Amino acid sequence: MKLLLDENLSRKLVPFLQDDYPGTTQVCLVGLERETDREIRDYAADNGYILVTKDDDFRDLAEVLGTPPKLILLRCGNRDKAAVLRILREQREHIETLLASEEIGWVEVA
């Protein structure tokens, strides 16, 4: 399961997520820093990413357009990079289990 981190998440997280989520990147690292939410969503879908964000706009797009991509919505506020990394690592199995279901398009984690 590879992740595409939204702009609101630090690109510095990427190397630390590779063991748990190989192939993970961040939108700025793939040239999407000036793109719309729809274009970021479409990139994630076209390239097999699960989109990780704190932004409810992506959930709203998923409600209208469906999946892929599936989403991980972080509900941890403005926590530091270490806290976000810990959340994604500690909840990996839970996230994978939920997102494996065809009926589930997003998960919220805190």
N, C-alpha and C. Protein backbone atom coordinates (compact mmCIF):
# COMPACT_ATOMS: atom_id res chain seq x y z
N MET A 1 0.86 -1.17 0.00
CA MET A 1 0.00 0.00 0.00
C MET A 1 0.90 1.23 0.00
N LYS A 2 0.82 2.01 -1.08
CA LYS A 2 1.63 3.22 -1.16
C LYS A 2 0.74 4.44 -0.97
N LEU A 3 1.32 5.44 -0.31
CA LEU A 3 0.57 6.63 0.07
C LEU A 3 1.02 7.83 -0.74
N LEU A 4 0.07 8.73 -1.00
CA LEU A 4 0.37 10.05 -1.55
C LEU A 4 -0.03 11.04 -0.47
N LEU A 5 0.96 11.69 0.13
CA LEU A 5 0.70 12.66 1.19
C LEU A 5 0.30 13.99 0.58
N ASP A 6 -0.76 14.57 1.10
CA ASP A 6 -1.23 15.87 0.65
C ASP A 6 -0.22 16.95 1.06
N GLU A 7 -0.38 18.13 0.49
CA GLU A 7 0.51 19.25 0.79
C GLU A 7 0.54 19.61 2.28
N ASN A 8 -0.55 19.34 2.99
CA ASN A 8 -0.61 19.70 4.40
C ASN A 8 0.20 18.75 5.29
N LEU A 9 0.87 17.80 4.67
CA LEU A 9 1.75 16.86 5.39
C LEU A 9 3.17 17.01 4.84
N SER A 10 4.12 17.00 5.72
CA SER A 10 5.51 17.27 5.35
C SER A 10 6.09 16.21 4.43
N ARG A 11 6.82 16.67 3.43
CA ARG A 11 7.54 15.75 2.54
C ARG A 11 8.67 15.04 3.27
N LYS A 12 9.07 15.57 4.42
CA LYS A 12 10.13 14.95 5.22
C LYS A 12 9.68 13.62 5.82
N LEU A 13 8.38 13.34 5.81
CA LEU A 13 7.87 12.06 6.30
C LEU A 13 8.14 10.91 5.34
N VAL A 14 8.29 11.23 4.08
CA VAL A 14 8.36 10.20 3.03
C VAL A 14 9.42 9.13 3.29
N PRO A 15 10.68 9.48 3.55
CA PRO A 15 11.66 8.41 3.74
C PRO A 15 11.38 7.53 4.96
N PHE A 16 10.74 8.09 5.96
CA PHE A 16 10.45 7.33 7.19
C PHE A 16 9.26 6.39 7.04
N LEU A 17 8.48 6.57 5.99
CA LEU A 17 7.30 5.72 5.75
C LEU A 17 7.59 4.57 4.78
N GLN A 18 8.76 4.54 4.16
CA GLN A 18 9.04 3.55 3.12
C GLN A 18 8.99 2.11 3.61
N ASP A 19 9.41 1.84 4.83
CA ASP A 19 9.36 0.46 5.33
C ASP A 19 7.93 -0.05 5.47
N ASP A 20 7.05 0.80 5.96
CA ASP A 20 5.65 0.41 6.18
C ASP A 20 4.77 0.62 4.95
N TYR A 21 5.10 1.63 4.16
CA TYR A 21 4.30 1.98 2.98
C TYR A 21 5.24 2.23 1.80
N PRO A 22 5.82 1.17 1.22
CA PRO A 22 6.77 1.34 0.12
C PRO A 22 6.15 2.08 -1.07
N GLY A 23 6.93 2.99 -1.64
CA GLY A 23 6.46 3.75 -2.79
C GLY A 23 5.74 5.03 -2.43
N THR A 24 5.68 5.34 -1.15
CA THR A 24 5.01 6.56 -0.69
C THR A 24 5.75 7.80 -1.17
N THR A 25 4.98 8.84 -1.48
CA THR A 25 5.54 10.13 -1.87
C THR A 25 4.62 11.25 -1.36
N GLN A 26 4.95 12.47 -1.72
CA GLN A 26 4.17 13.63 -1.31
C GLN A 26 3.90 14.47 -2.55
N VAL A 27 2.78 15.19 -2.57
CA VAL A 27 2.36 15.87 -3.80
C VAL A 27 3.41 16.81 -4.38
N CYS A 28 4.16 17.52 -3.55
CA CYS A 28 5.18 18.43 -4.07
C CYS A 28 6.32 17.66 -4.73
N LEU A 29 6.58 16.46 -4.26
CA LEU A 29 7.68 15.67 -4.81
C LEU A 29 7.35 15.11 -6.19
N VAL A 30 6.08 15.11 -6.56
CA VAL A 30 5.68 14.64 -7.89
C VAL A 30 5.14 15.78 -8.75
N GLY A 31 5.41 17.02 -8.33
CA GLY A 31 5.06 18.19 -9.15
C GLY A 31 3.61 18.62 -9.09
N LEU A 32 2.91 18.28 -8.02
CA LEU A 32 1.49 18.62 -7.94
C LEU A 32 1.18 19.76 -6.98
N GLU A 33 2.20 20.53 -6.57
CA GLU A 33 1.98 21.54 -5.54
C GLU A 33 1.04 22.66 -5.96
N ARG A 34 0.82 22.87 -7.22
CA ARG A 34 -0.06 23.95 -7.69
C ARG A 34 -1.35 23.42 -8.32
N GLU A 35 -1.59 22.13 -8.15
CA GLU A 35 -2.75 21.51 -8.77
C GLU A 35 -3.98 21.59 -7.86
N THR A 36 -5.13 21.42 -8.45
CA THR A 36 -6.38 21.43 -7.70
C THR A 36 -6.55 20.11 -6.95
N ASP A 37 -7.47 20.10 -5.99
CA ASP A 37 -7.77 18.86 -5.28
C ASP A 37 -8.20 17.77 -6.25
N ARG A 38 -8.97 18.13 -7.24
CA ARG A 38 -9.44 17.15 -8.22
C ARG A 38 -8.27 16.54 -8.99
N GLU A 39 -7.32 17.37 -9.38
CA GLU A 39 -6.17 16.86 -10.12
C GLU A 39 -5.29 15.96 -9.24
N ILE A 40 -5.14 16.33 -7.97
CA ILE A 40 -4.39 15.50 -7.03
C ILE A 40 -5.11 14.17 -6.84
N ARG A 41 -6.41 14.23 -6.67
CA ARG A 41 -7.23 13.02 -6.52
C ARG A 41 -7.07 12.12 -7.73
N ASP A 42 -7.16 12.69 -8.93
CA ASP A 42 -7.05 11.91 -10.15
C ASP A 42 -5.66 11.29 -10.29
N TYR A 43 -4.62 12.02 -9.92
CA TYR A 43 -3.26 11.48 -9.96
C TYR A 43 -3.14 10.27 -9.04
N ALA A 44 -3.67 10.42 -7.83
CA ALA A 44 -3.62 9.30 -6.87
C ALA A 44 -4.35 8.08 -7.45
N ALA A 45 -5.52 8.29 -8.02
CA ALA A 45 -6.30 7.19 -8.59
C ALA A 45 -5.57 6.54 -9.76
N ASP A 46 -5.02 7.35 -10.65
CA ASP A 46 -4.35 6.83 -11.84
C ASP A 46 -3.06 6.09 -11.53
N ASN A 47 -2.47 6.38 -10.38
CA ASN A 47 -1.16 5.82 -10.05
C ASN A 47 -1.18 4.88 -8.85
N GLY A 48 -2.37 4.47 -8.42
CA GLY A 48 -2.48 3.45 -7.39
C GLY A 48 -2.12 3.88 -5.98
N TYR A 49 -2.28 5.17 -5.68
CA TYR A 49 -1.99 5.67 -4.35
C TYR A 49 -3.23 5.70 -3.48
N ILE A 50 -3.01 5.64 -2.18
CA ILE A 50 -4.01 5.98 -1.19
C ILE A 50 -3.65 7.38 -0.74
N LEU A 51 -4.59 8.29 -0.81
CA LEU A 51 -4.34 9.69 -0.50
C LEU A 51 -4.46 9.93 1.00
N VAL A 52 -3.46 10.57 1.60
CA VAL A 52 -3.46 10.88 3.02
C VAL A 52 -3.56 12.38 3.17
N THR A 53 -4.56 12.83 3.95
CA THR A 53 -4.81 14.26 4.06
C THR A 53 -5.47 14.60 5.38
N LYS A 54 -5.47 15.87 5.68
CA LYS A 54 -6.25 16.41 6.80
C LYS A 54 -7.45 17.19 6.27
N ASP A 55 -7.59 17.22 4.96
CA ASP A 55 -8.54 18.08 4.24
C ASP A 55 -9.83 17.32 3.90
N ASP A 56 -10.95 17.78 4.45
CA ASP A 56 -12.25 17.16 4.18
C ASP A 56 -12.69 17.29 2.72
N ASP A 57 -12.09 18.19 1.96
CA ASP A 57 -12.47 18.35 0.56
C ASP A 57 -12.27 17.07 -0.23
N PHE A 58 -11.25 16.30 0.12
CA PHE A 58 -11.02 15.04 -0.58
C PHE A 58 -12.09 14.01 -0.24
N ARG A 59 -12.58 14.02 0.99
CA ARG A 59 -13.68 13.13 1.35
C ARG A 59 -14.93 13.52 0.57
N ASP A 60 -15.16 14.83 0.45
CA ASP A 60 -16.31 15.31 -0.31
C ASP A 60 -16.22 14.87 -1.78
N LEU A 61 -15.02 14.93 -2.34
CA LEU A 61 -14.83 14.46 -3.72
C LEU A 61 -15.11 12.96 -3.82
N ALA A 62 -14.67 12.21 -2.82
CA ALA A 62 -14.91 10.76 -2.83
C ALA A 62 -16.40 10.45 -2.75
N GLU A 63 -17.14 11.26 -2.01
CA GLU A 63 -18.59 11.03 -1.93
C GLU A 63 -19.26 11.26 -3.28
N VAL A 64 -18.75 12.19 -4.06
CA VAL A 64 -19.33 12.50 -5.36
C VAL A 64 -18.79 11.57 -6.45
N LEU A 65 -17.48 11.36 -6.46
CA LEU A 65 -16.83 10.64 -7.56
C LEU A 65 -16.53 9.18 -7.25
N GLY A 66 -16.63 8.80 -5.98
CA GLY A 66 -16.33 7.43 -5.59
C GLY A 66 -14.83 7.20 -5.48
N THR A 67 -14.48 5.92 -5.49
CA THR A 67 -13.08 5.55 -5.39
C THR A 67 -12.71 4.71 -6.61
N PRO A 68 -11.47 4.57 -6.98
CA PRO A 68 -10.30 5.07 -6.30
C PRO A 68 -10.13 6.57 -6.48
N PRO A 69 -9.26 7.19 -5.72
CA PRO A 69 -8.42 6.58 -4.70
C PRO A 69 -9.16 6.48 -3.37
N LYS A 70 -8.67 5.59 -2.55
CA LYS A 70 -9.16 5.54 -1.18
C LYS A 70 -8.39 6.58 -0.39
N LEU A 71 -8.94 6.94 0.77
CA LEU A 71 -8.38 8.04 1.57
C LEU A 71 -8.09 7.63 3.00
N ILE A 72 -7.07 8.25 3.55
CA ILE A 72 -6.83 8.23 4.98
C ILE A 72 -6.96 9.67 5.44
N LEU A 73 -7.97 9.94 6.27
CA LEU A 73 -8.19 11.27 6.81
C LEU A 73 -7.59 11.34 8.21
N LEU A 74 -6.59 12.18 8.36
CA LEU A 74 -5.94 12.33 9.66
C LEU A 74 -6.73 13.33 10.51
N ARG A 75 -7.09 12.90 11.68
CA ARG A 75 -7.84 13.74 12.61
C ARG A 75 -6.99 14.00 13.85
N CYS A 76 -5.79 14.48 13.62
CA CYS A 76 -4.85 14.68 14.73
C CYS A 76 -4.48 16.14 14.93
N GLY A 77 -5.16 17.04 14.24
CA GLY A 77 -4.84 18.45 14.40
C GLY A 77 -3.45 18.77 13.87
N ASN A 78 -2.88 19.81 14.39
CA ASN A 78 -1.56 20.25 13.94
C ASN A 78 -0.46 19.62 14.78
N ARG A 79 -0.36 18.31 14.69
CA ARG A 79 0.67 17.58 15.42
C ARG A 79 1.98 17.62 14.64
N ASP A 80 3.07 17.39 15.33
CA ASP A 80 4.37 17.41 14.67
C ASP A 80 4.55 16.17 13.79
N LYS A 81 5.60 16.19 13.01
CA LYS A 81 5.87 15.09 12.07
C LYS A 81 6.00 13.75 12.77
N ALA A 82 6.63 13.75 13.93
CA ALA A 82 6.82 12.50 14.67
C ALA A 82 5.48 11.89 15.07
N ALA A 83 4.53 12.72 15.47
CA ALA A 83 3.21 12.22 15.86
C ALA A 83 2.47 11.65 14.66
N VAL A 84 2.53 12.32 13.52
CA VAL A 84 1.87 11.83 12.30
C VAL A 84 2.51 10.50 11.88
N LEU A 85 3.81 10.43 11.92
CA LEU A 85 4.52 9.20 11.57
C LEU A 85 4.10 8.06 12.49
N ARG A 86 4.03 8.32 13.77
CA ARG A 86 3.63 7.31 14.75
C ARG A 86 2.20 6.81 14.47
N ILE A 87 1.30 7.72 14.18
CA ILE A 87 -0.10 7.35 13.88
C ILE A 87 -0.15 6.42 12.67
N LEU A 88 0.51 6.80 11.60
CA LEU A 88 0.45 5.99 10.37
C LEU A 88 1.12 4.64 10.54
N ARG A 89 2.20 4.59 11.30
CA ARG A 89 2.87 3.31 11.53
C ARG A 89 2.06 2.41 12.46
N GLU A 90 1.62 2.96 13.59
CA GLU A 90 0.91 2.15 14.58
C GLU A 90 -0.43 1.65 14.09
N GLN A 91 -1.06 2.38 13.17
CA GLN A 91 -2.39 2.00 12.71
C GLN A 91 -2.38 1.35 11.33
N ARG A 92 -1.20 1.00 10.83
CA ARG A 92 -1.09 0.44 9.47
C ARG A 92 -1.98 -0.78 9.27
N GLU A 93 -1.92 -1.75 10.16
CA GLU A 93 -2.73 -2.96 9.98
C GLU A 93 -4.22 -2.64 10.00
N HIS A 94 -4.63 -1.78 10.90
CA HIS A 94 -6.04 -1.37 10.99
C HIS A 94 -6.47 -0.68 9.69
N ILE A 95 -5.63 0.24 9.21
CA ILE A 95 -5.93 0.97 7.96
C ILE A 95 -6.02 -0.01 6.79
N GLU A 96 -5.06 -0.90 6.67
CA GLU A 96 -5.06 -1.87 5.56
C GLU A 96 -6.30 -2.76 5.58
N THR A 97 -6.67 -3.21 6.78
CA THR A 97 -7.84 -4.07 6.91
C THR A 97 -9.10 -3.34 6.46
N LEU A 98 -9.28 -2.12 6.93
CA LEU A 98 -10.49 -1.37 6.56
C LEU A 98 -10.51 -1.04 5.07
N LEU A 99 -9.40 -0.57 4.55
CA LEU A 99 -9.38 -0.15 3.14
C LEU A 99 -9.41 -1.33 2.17
N ALA A 100 -9.19 -2.53 2.65
CA ALA A 100 -9.31 -3.72 1.80
C ALA A 100 -10.76 -3.99 1.43
N SER A 101 -11.69 -3.46 2.21
CA SER A 101 -13.11 -3.66 1.94
C SER A 101 -13.55 -2.80 0.75
N GLU A 102 -14.32 -3.39 -0.13
CA GLU A 102 -14.86 -2.65 -1.28
C GLU A 102 -15.84 -1.56 -0.85
N GLU A 103 -16.49 -1.74 0.29
CA GLU A 103 -17.50 -0.80 0.74
C GLU A 103 -16.93 0.43 1.42
N ILE A 104 -15.68 0.39 1.79
CA ILE A 104 -15.08 1.50 2.55
C ILE A 104 -14.16 2.29 1.63
N GLY A 105 -14.44 3.60 1.53
CA GLY A 105 -13.66 4.48 0.67
C GLY A 105 -12.65 5.33 1.41
N TRP A 106 -12.84 5.46 2.71
CA TRP A 106 -11.90 6.24 3.52
C TRP A 106 -11.95 5.80 4.96
N VAL A 107 -10.85 6.06 5.65
CA VAL A 107 -10.78 5.82 7.09
C VAL A 107 -10.28 7.09 7.76
N GLU A 108 -10.77 7.31 8.95
CA GLU A 108 -10.31 8.43 9.75
C GLU A 108 -9.47 7.88 10.88
N VAL A 109 -8.28 8.45 11.06
CA VAL A 109 -7.39 8.02 12.13
C VAL A 109 -6.92 9.24 12.91
N ALA A 110 -6.67 8.99 14.19
CA ALA A 110 -6.20 10.09 15.06
C ALA A 110 -5.10 9.57 15.95
